[in-house]
Structure formats: structure tokens, C-alpha cells
Amino acid sequence: MEYFLRVNMIGGIALLEAAADRIIEECKADAPNETGWCKIRDAFVVPAALNIGIYILKVVLEKAAAEV
């Protein structure tokens, strides 16, 4: 189980971070073309939500690996 968690922390998190970075770049590039809520969403909400989600996932996996 510990090996599984370590592999996911190394490979899986890196893959998720790369995908999130690509999505964030696309959203931020599209934000100037939007107006109102969509502009705020693309510039701030989506990037913050993805970064916070990945951070929480890292913390949970690190704590789970420490308990095993």
C-alpha cells in the first residue's frame, strides 16, 4: 500500500499538475476575451480551484502515506 501511495504521489501528482497548468494557461489566455462572471471565472476562480484541489490532494496522500 505504501508503494502504491508513493508511486501515485510522484507520478500521478506530476501528471495532474501538468494537466492543471495547461488548463490554467488556456483559461487565463481566454479571460481577456470574456466579460462579466466568465472573465472572473477564467482569470481567478478556475486557476485557484485547481491549485487548491491539487494542494489538498497532496496533503491527503502525504498523510495517508505517513500512516501506512
N, C-alpha and C. Protein backbone atom coordinates (compact mmCIF):
# COMPACT_ATOMS: atom_id res chain seq x y z
N MET A 1 0.82 -1.19 0.00
CA MET A 1 0.00 0.00 0.00
C MET A 1 0.86 1.25 0.00
N GLU A 2 1.93 1.22 0.79
CA GLU A 2 2.81 2.39 0.85
C GLU A 2 3.44 2.66 -0.51
N TYR A 3 3.86 1.59 -1.19
CA TYR A 3 4.46 1.74 -2.51
C TYR A 3 3.46 2.37 -3.48
N PHE A 4 2.21 1.92 -3.43
CA PHE A 4 1.16 2.46 -4.29
C PHE A 4 1.00 3.96 -4.05
N LEU A 5 0.96 4.37 -2.80
CA LEU A 5 0.81 5.78 -2.48
C LEU A 5 2.00 6.60 -2.94
N ARG A 6 3.19 6.08 -2.75
CA ARG A 6 4.41 6.80 -3.17
C ARG A 6 4.44 6.97 -4.69
N VAL A 7 4.10 5.92 -5.42
CA VAL A 7 4.10 6.00 -6.87
C VAL A 7 3.07 7.02 -7.34
N ASN A 8 1.89 7.01 -6.74
CA ASN A 8 0.87 7.98 -7.12
C ASN A 8 1.28 9.40 -6.76
N MET A 9 1.96 9.55 -5.63
CA MET A 9 2.39 10.89 -5.25
C MET A 9 3.42 11.43 -6.23
N ILE A 10 4.30 10.58 -6.72
CA ILE A 10 5.35 11.05 -7.63
C ILE A 10 4.81 11.21 -9.05
N GLY A 11 4.27 10.15 -9.60
CA GLY A 11 3.82 10.17 -10.99
C GLY A 11 2.46 10.80 -11.19
N GLY A 12 1.53 10.43 -10.34
CA GLY A 12 0.16 10.91 -10.50
C GLY A 12 0.01 12.39 -10.26
N ILE A 13 0.67 12.89 -9.22
CA ILE A 13 0.57 14.31 -8.91
C ILE A 13 1.25 15.13 -10.01
N ALA A 14 2.37 14.66 -10.51
CA ALA A 14 3.06 15.37 -11.59
C ALA A 14 2.18 15.46 -12.83
N LEU A 15 1.49 14.38 -13.13
CA LEU A 15 0.58 14.36 -14.27
C LEU A 15 -0.58 15.32 -14.06
N LEU A 16 -1.15 15.30 -12.87
CA LEU A 16 -2.25 16.22 -12.56
C LEU A 16 -1.80 17.67 -12.60
N GLU A 17 -0.62 17.96 -12.09
CA GLU A 17 -0.12 19.33 -12.11
C GLU A 17 0.10 19.81 -13.55
N ALA A 18 0.61 18.95 -14.40
CA ALA A 18 0.82 19.32 -15.80
C ALA A 18 -0.51 19.60 -16.50
N ALA A 19 -1.49 18.76 -16.23
CA ALA A 19 -2.82 18.97 -16.83
C ALA A 19 -3.45 20.25 -16.30
N ALA A 20 -3.33 20.48 -15.01
CA ALA A 20 -3.90 21.69 -14.41
C ALA A 20 -3.21 22.93 -14.95
N ASP A 21 -1.90 22.88 -15.12
CA ASP A 21 -1.17 24.03 -15.67
C ASP A 21 -1.65 24.36 -17.08
N ARG A 22 -1.89 23.33 -17.86
CA ARG A 22 -2.38 23.55 -19.22
C ARG A 22 -3.78 24.17 -19.21
N ILE A 23 -4.64 23.67 -18.36
CA ILE A 23 -5.99 24.22 -18.26
C ILE A 23 -5.95 25.66 -17.77
N ILE A 24 -5.10 25.93 -16.78
CA ILE A 24 -4.98 27.29 -16.24
C ILE A 24 -4.47 28.25 -17.31
N GLU A 25 -3.47 27.83 -18.08
CA GLU A 25 -2.96 28.67 -19.16
C GLU A 25 -4.04 28.99 -20.18
N GLU A 26 -4.83 27.97 -20.56
CA GLU A 26 -5.91 28.20 -21.52
C GLU A 26 -6.97 29.14 -20.97
N CYS A 27 -7.32 28.97 -19.70
CA CYS A 27 -8.33 29.84 -19.09
C CYS A 27 -7.84 31.28 -19.00
N LYS A 28 -6.60 31.45 -18.57
CA LYS A 28 -6.05 32.81 -18.45
C LYS A 28 -5.89 33.47 -19.82
N ALA A 29 -5.57 32.69 -20.83
CA ALA A 29 -5.45 33.23 -22.18
C ALA A 29 -6.82 33.64 -22.73
N ASP A 30 -7.85 32.92 -22.32
CA ASP A 30 -9.20 33.20 -22.80
C ASP A 30 -9.89 34.31 -22.00
N ALA A 31 -9.42 34.58 -20.80
CA ALA A 31 -10.08 35.55 -19.92
C ALA A 31 -10.23 36.94 -20.52
N PRO A 32 -9.25 37.51 -21.22
CA PRO A 32 -9.44 38.85 -21.78
C PRO A 32 -10.55 38.93 -22.82
N ASN A 33 -10.90 37.81 -23.42
CA ASN A 33 -11.96 37.79 -24.43
C ASN A 33 -13.35 37.68 -23.82
N GLU A 34 -13.42 37.42 -22.53
CA GLU A 34 -14.70 37.22 -21.84
C GLU A 34 -15.14 38.51 -21.16
N THR A 35 -16.39 38.51 -20.70
CA THR A 35 -16.91 39.66 -19.95
C THR A 35 -17.65 39.14 -18.73
N GLY A 36 -17.77 40.00 -17.73
CA GLY A 36 -18.55 39.67 -16.54
C GLY A 36 -18.00 38.50 -15.77
N TRP A 37 -18.94 37.63 -15.32
CA TRP A 37 -18.58 36.49 -14.49
C TRP A 37 -17.60 35.56 -15.19
N CYS A 38 -17.75 35.36 -16.48
CA CYS A 38 -16.87 34.44 -17.22
C CYS A 38 -15.42 34.92 -17.18
N LYS A 39 -15.22 36.23 -17.21
CA LYS A 39 -13.86 36.78 -17.13
C LYS A 39 -13.26 36.51 -15.76
N ILE A 40 -14.04 36.72 -14.71
CA ILE A 40 -13.58 36.46 -13.35
C ILE A 40 -13.32 34.97 -13.16
N ARG A 41 -14.23 34.15 -13.66
CA ARG A 41 -14.08 32.69 -13.55
C ARG A 41 -12.80 32.22 -14.21
N ASP A 42 -12.57 32.67 -15.45
CA ASP A 42 -11.39 32.21 -16.19
C ASP A 42 -10.09 32.77 -15.63
N ALA A 43 -10.13 33.98 -15.08
CA ALA A 43 -8.89 34.61 -14.60
C ALA A 43 -8.53 34.17 -13.18
N PHE A 44 -9.54 33.93 -12.32
CA PHE A 44 -9.26 33.69 -10.91
C PHE A 44 -9.83 32.40 -10.34
N VAL A 45 -11.10 32.12 -10.59
CA VAL A 45 -11.79 31.02 -9.91
C VAL A 45 -11.25 29.66 -10.36
N VAL A 46 -11.19 29.41 -11.63
CA VAL A 46 -10.72 28.11 -12.12
C VAL A 46 -9.26 27.86 -11.72
N PRO A 47 -8.35 28.82 -11.94
CA PRO A 47 -6.97 28.57 -11.50
C PRO A 47 -6.86 28.33 -10.00
N ALA A 48 -7.55 29.10 -9.19
CA ALA A 48 -7.49 28.92 -7.74
C ALA A 48 -8.07 27.57 -7.33
N ALA A 49 -9.19 27.19 -7.92
CA ALA A 49 -9.82 25.92 -7.57
C ALA A 49 -8.91 24.74 -7.92
N LEU A 50 -8.27 24.78 -9.06
CA LEU A 50 -7.38 23.69 -9.46
C LEU A 50 -6.15 23.63 -8.55
N ASN A 51 -5.55 24.78 -8.28
CA ASN A 51 -4.36 24.79 -7.41
C ASN A 51 -4.69 24.33 -6.00
N ILE A 52 -5.80 24.77 -5.46
CA ILE A 52 -6.21 24.36 -4.11
C ILE A 52 -6.53 22.87 -4.09
N GLY A 53 -7.22 22.38 -5.09
CA GLY A 53 -7.56 20.96 -5.17
C GLY A 53 -6.33 20.08 -5.22
N ILE A 54 -5.34 20.47 -6.00
CA ILE A 54 -4.11 19.69 -6.08
C ILE A 54 -3.36 19.74 -4.75
N TYR A 55 -3.33 20.90 -4.12
CA TYR A 55 -2.67 21.02 -2.82
C TYR A 55 -3.33 20.09 -1.78
N ILE A 56 -4.65 20.10 -1.75
CA ILE A 56 -5.38 19.25 -0.80
C ILE A 56 -5.09 17.78 -1.09
N LEU A 57 -5.08 17.40 -2.34
CA LEU A 57 -4.79 16.02 -2.71
C LEU A 57 -3.38 15.62 -2.26
N LYS A 58 -2.41 16.50 -2.44
CA LYS A 58 -1.04 16.23 -1.99
C LYS A 58 -1.00 16.00 -0.48
N VAL A 59 -1.67 16.87 0.25
CA VAL A 59 -1.68 16.76 1.73
C VAL A 59 -2.31 15.44 2.15
N VAL A 60 -3.44 15.09 1.55
CA VAL A 60 -4.13 13.85 1.91
C VAL A 60 -3.25 12.64 1.60
N LEU A 61 -2.62 12.62 0.43
CA LEU A 61 -1.76 11.49 0.08
C LEU A 61 -0.54 11.41 0.98
N GLU A 62 0.04 12.55 1.34
CA GLU A 62 1.20 12.54 2.25
C GLU A 62 0.82 12.02 3.63
N LYS A 63 -0.33 12.43 4.12
CA LYS A 63 -0.78 11.94 5.43
C LYS A 63 -1.13 10.46 5.38
N ALA A 64 -1.73 10.01 4.29
CA ALA A 64 -2.05 8.60 4.14
C ALA A 64 -0.78 7.76 4.05
N ALA A 65 0.22 8.26 3.34
CA ALA A 65 1.48 7.53 3.23
C ALA A 65 2.20 7.49 4.58
N ALA A 66 2.07 8.54 5.37
CA ALA A 66 2.72 8.58 6.68
C ALA A 66 2.08 7.61 7.65
N GLU A 67 0.79 7.37 7.50
CA GLU A 67 0.06 6.47 8.40
C GLU A 67 0.26 5.00 8.06
N VAL A 68 0.66 4.73 6.85
CA VAL A 68 0.81 3.33 6.42
C VAL A 68 2.10 2.74 6.89
